[in-house]
Amino acid sequence: MQKFLSTTLGRLRLIAFIEGISFLILLFIAMPLKYFFEQPQAVRTVGSIHGGLFVVYVILVFLTKRAIQWDWAKTRLLLLVSFIPFGNFYADWKWLAREDQG
C-alpha cells in the first residue's frame, strides 16, 4: 500500500482501481436495483460516491500528467477510458503498471 501512496502515479493507480469498482457497482448493482426493484436510493448513494471518486481521478490524471510530463494524447486517453466499464482496469494493465515499474 505504501508503494501506491508514495508517488502521484501510484495514487492515480489506486484511485483508478477504486473508481473503476464504484463504476461497476453503479452499473451492475445499483442500476438494476433502481429499475427492476424500484429502489432508487442505491443509485443516489453509489452515484454520489462514484462521482466524488471520478472527480478525484480526473484531478490525479492532470497532476500525474504534470509530474511525469505525459503528452495530451495519453491524458485524453486515460480520461476517455474511465467512461468505459472495465476501462480503468485495462488502462492500468496496459499503460500505468508498466510506467510505474520503469
C-alpha atoms as a PDB file:
ATOM      1  CA  MET A   1       0.000   0.000   0.000  1.00  0.00           C
ATOM      2  CA  GLN A   2       2.907   2.335   0.753  1.00  0.00           C
ATOM      3  CA  LYS A   3       4.043   1.918  -2.856  1.00  0.00           C
ATOM      4  CA  PHE A   4       0.763   3.350  -4.130  1.00  0.00           C
ATOM      5  CA  LEU A   5       0.734   6.314  -1.779  1.00  0.00           C
ATOM      6  CA  SER A   6       4.343   7.394  -2.295  1.00  0.00           C
ATOM      7  CA  THR A   7       4.023   8.697  -5.880  1.00  0.00           C
ATOM      8  CA  THR A   8       1.463  10.602  -7.911  1.00  0.00           C
ATOM      9  CA  LEU A   9       1.263   7.727 -10.387  1.00  0.00           C
ATOM     10  CA  GLY A  10       0.713   5.267  -7.545  1.00  0.00           C
ATOM     11  CA  ARG A  11      -2.122   7.391  -6.139  1.00  0.00           C
ATOM     12  CA  LEU A  12      -3.637   7.598  -9.622  1.00  0.00           C
ATOM     13  CA  ARG A  13      -3.492   3.807  -9.989  1.00  0.00           C
ATOM     14  CA  LEU A  14      -5.139   3.307  -6.580  1.00  0.00           C
ATOM     15  CA  ILE A  15      -7.945   5.797  -7.226  1.00  0.00           C
ATOM     16  CA  ALA A  16      -8.444   4.430 -10.760  1.00  0.00           C
ATOM     17  CA  PHE A  17      -8.994   0.971  -9.278  1.00  0.00           C
ATOM     18  CA  ILE A  18     -11.434   2.207  -6.616  1.00  0.00           C
ATOM     19  CA  GLU A  19     -13.253   4.427  -9.128  1.00  0.00           C
ATOM     20  CA  GLY A  20     -13.492   1.522 -11.575  1.00  0.00           C
ATOM     21  CA  ILE A  21     -15.033  -0.695  -8.877  1.00  0.00           C
ATOM     22  CA  SER A  22     -17.528   2.033  -7.947  1.00  0.00           C
ATOM     23  CA  PHE A  23     -18.492   2.399 -11.635  1.00  0.00           C
ATOM     24  CA  LEU A  24     -19.144  -1.334 -11.929  1.00  0.00           C
ATOM     25  CA  ILE A  25     -21.199  -1.331  -8.714  1.00  0.00           C
ATOM     26  CA  LEU A  26     -23.213   1.585 -10.067  1.00  0.00           C
ATOM     27  CA  LEU A  27     -23.845  -0.085 -13.424  1.00  0.00           C
ATOM     28  CA  PHE A  28     -24.371  -3.691 -12.406  1.00  0.00           C
ATOM     29  CA  ILE A  29     -25.846  -3.471  -8.902  1.00  0.00           C
ATOM     30  CA  ALA A  30     -27.336  -0.027  -8.237  1.00  0.00           C
ATOM     31  CA  MET A  31     -28.953   0.491 -11.653  1.00  0.00           C
ATOM     32  CA  PRO A  32     -30.713  -2.902 -11.654  1.00  0.00           C
ATOM     33  CA  LEU A  33     -31.905  -2.204  -8.107  1.00  0.00           C
ATOM     34  CA  LYS A  34     -33.389   1.087  -9.300  1.00  0.00           C
ATOM     35  CA  TYR A  35     -35.061  -0.139 -12.466  1.00  0.00           C
ATOM     36  CA  PHE A  36     -36.031  -3.719 -11.614  1.00  0.00           C
ATOM     37  CA  PHE A  37     -36.672  -3.496  -7.880  1.00  0.00           C
ATOM     38  CA  GLU A  38     -37.753   0.160  -7.599  1.00  0.00           C
ATOM     39  CA  GLN A  39     -35.026   1.150  -5.138  1.00  0.00           C
ATOM     40  CA  PRO A  40     -33.623   4.444  -6.433  1.00  0.00           C
ATOM     41  CA  GLN A  41     -31.685   5.128  -3.219  1.00  0.00           C
ATOM     42  CA  ALA A  42     -28.970   2.712  -4.347  1.00  0.00           C
ATOM     43  CA  VAL A  43     -28.215   4.871  -7.410  1.00  0.00           C
ATOM     44  CA  ARG A  44     -28.222   8.057  -5.347  1.00  0.00           C
ATOM     45  CA  THR A  45     -25.804   6.660  -2.809  1.00  0.00           C
ATOM     46  CA  VAL A  46     -23.438   4.792  -5.123  1.00  0.00           C
ATOM     47  CA  GLY A  47     -23.703   7.520  -7.754  1.00  0.00           C
ATOM     48  CA  SER A  48     -22.604  10.178  -5.270  1.00  0.00           C
ATOM     49  CA  ILE A  49     -19.650   8.098  -4.145  1.00  0.00           C
ATOM     50  CA  HIS A  50     -18.681   7.316  -7.730  1.00  0.00           C
ATOM     51  CA  GLY A  51     -18.996  10.976  -8.715  1.00  0.00           C
ATOM     52  CA  GLY A  52     -16.646  12.059  -5.964  1.00  0.00           C
ATOM     53  CA  LEU A  53     -14.149   9.366  -6.891  1.00  0.00           C
ATOM     54  CA  PHE A  54     -14.375  10.377 -10.550  1.00  0.00           C
ATOM     55  CA  VAL A  55     -13.521  13.985  -9.687  1.00  0.00           C
ATOM     56  CA  VAL A  56     -10.501  12.804  -7.685  1.00  0.00           C
ATOM     57  CA  TYR A  57      -9.492  10.560 -10.616  1.00  0.00           C
ATOM     58  CA  VAL A  58      -9.620  13.458 -13.101  1.00  0.00           C
ATOM     59  CA  ILE A  59      -7.586  15.684 -10.783  1.00  0.00           C
ATOM     60  CA  LEU A  60      -4.993  12.933 -10.340  1.00  0.00           C
ATOM     61  CA  VAL A  61      -4.761  12.369 -14.089  1.00  0.00           C
ATOM     62  CA  PHE A  62      -3.842  16.037 -14.544  1.00  0.00           C
ATOM     63  CA  LEU A  63      -1.435  16.029 -11.573  1.00  0.00           C
ATOM     64  CA  THR A  64       0.261  12.916 -12.952  1.00  0.00           C
ATOM     65  CA  LYS A  65       0.390  14.463 -16.424  1.00  0.00           C
ATOM     66  CA  ARG A  66       2.285  17.391 -14.964  1.00  0.00           C
ATOM     67  CA  ALA A  67       4.556  15.272 -12.745  1.00  0.00           C
ATOM     68  CA  ILE A  68       5.527  12.737 -15.423  1.00  0.00           C
ATOM     69  CA  GLN A  69       5.113  15.118 -18.382  1.00  0.00           C
ATOM     70  CA  TRP A  70       2.684  12.978 -20.335  1.00  0.00           C
ATOM     71  CA  ASP A  71       1.560  14.194 -23.716  1.00  0.00           C
ATOM     72  CA  TRP A  72      -2.044  15.285 -24.246  1.00  0.00           C
ATOM     73  CA  ALA A  73      -2.889  12.140 -26.211  1.00  0.00           C
ATOM     74  CA  LYS A  74      -2.191   9.872 -23.241  1.00  0.00           C
ATOM     75  CA  THR A  75      -4.004  12.222 -20.878  1.00  0.00           C
ATOM     76  CA  ARG A  76      -7.105  12.295 -23.086  1.00  0.00           C
ATOM     77  CA  LEU A  77      -6.978   8.529 -23.466  1.00  0.00           C
ATOM     78  CA  LEU A  78      -6.878   7.992 -19.697  1.00  0.00           C
ATOM     79  CA  LEU A  79      -9.829  10.342 -19.280  1.00  0.00           C
ATOM     80  CA  LEU A  80     -11.755   8.632 -22.073  1.00  0.00           C
ATOM     81  CA  VAL A  81     -11.289   5.057 -20.831  1.00  0.00           C
ATOM     82  CA  SER A  82     -12.803   5.998 -17.481  1.00  0.00           C
ATOM     83  CA  PHE A  83     -16.202   6.228 -19.211  1.00  0.00           C
ATOM     84  CA  ILE A  84     -15.995   2.611 -20.397  1.00  0.00           C
ATOM     85  CA  PRO A  85     -16.815  -0.241 -17.994  1.00  0.00           C
ATOM     86  CA  PHE A  86     -13.564  -2.029 -17.083  1.00  0.00           C
ATOM     87  CA  GLY A  87     -11.659   0.755 -18.884  1.00  0.00           C
ATOM     88  CA  ASN A  88      -9.650   1.809 -15.829  1.00  0.00           C
ATOM     89  CA  PHE A  89      -8.504  -1.760 -15.272  1.00  0.00           C
ATOM     90  CA  TYR A  90      -7.384  -2.057 -18.883  1.00  0.00           C
ATOM     91  CA  ALA A  91      -5.546   1.278 -18.700  1.00  0.00           C
ATOM     92  CA  ASP A  92      -3.778   0.208 -15.528  1.00  0.00           C
ATOM     93  CA  TRP A  93      -2.731  -3.106 -17.052  1.00  0.00           C
ATOM     94  CA  LYS A  94      -1.757  -1.655 -20.435  1.00  0.00           C
ATOM     95  CA  TRP A  95      -0.087   1.638 -19.503  1.00  0.00           C
ATOM     96  CA  LEU A  96       0.043   2.631 -15.847  1.00  0.00           C
ATOM     97  CA  ALA A  97       1.533  -0.503 -14.259  1.00  0.00           C
ATOM     98  CA  ARG A  98       4.299  -0.638 -16.848  1.00  0.00           C
ATOM     99  CA  GLU A  99       5.125   3.009 -16.332  1.00  0.00           C
ATOM    100  CA  ASP A 100       5.083   2.577 -12.549  1.00  0.00           C
ATOM    101  CA  GLN A 101       7.695  -0.195 -12.809  1.00  0.00           C
ATOM    102  CA  GLY A 102      10.011   1.732 -15.088  1.00  0.00           C
END
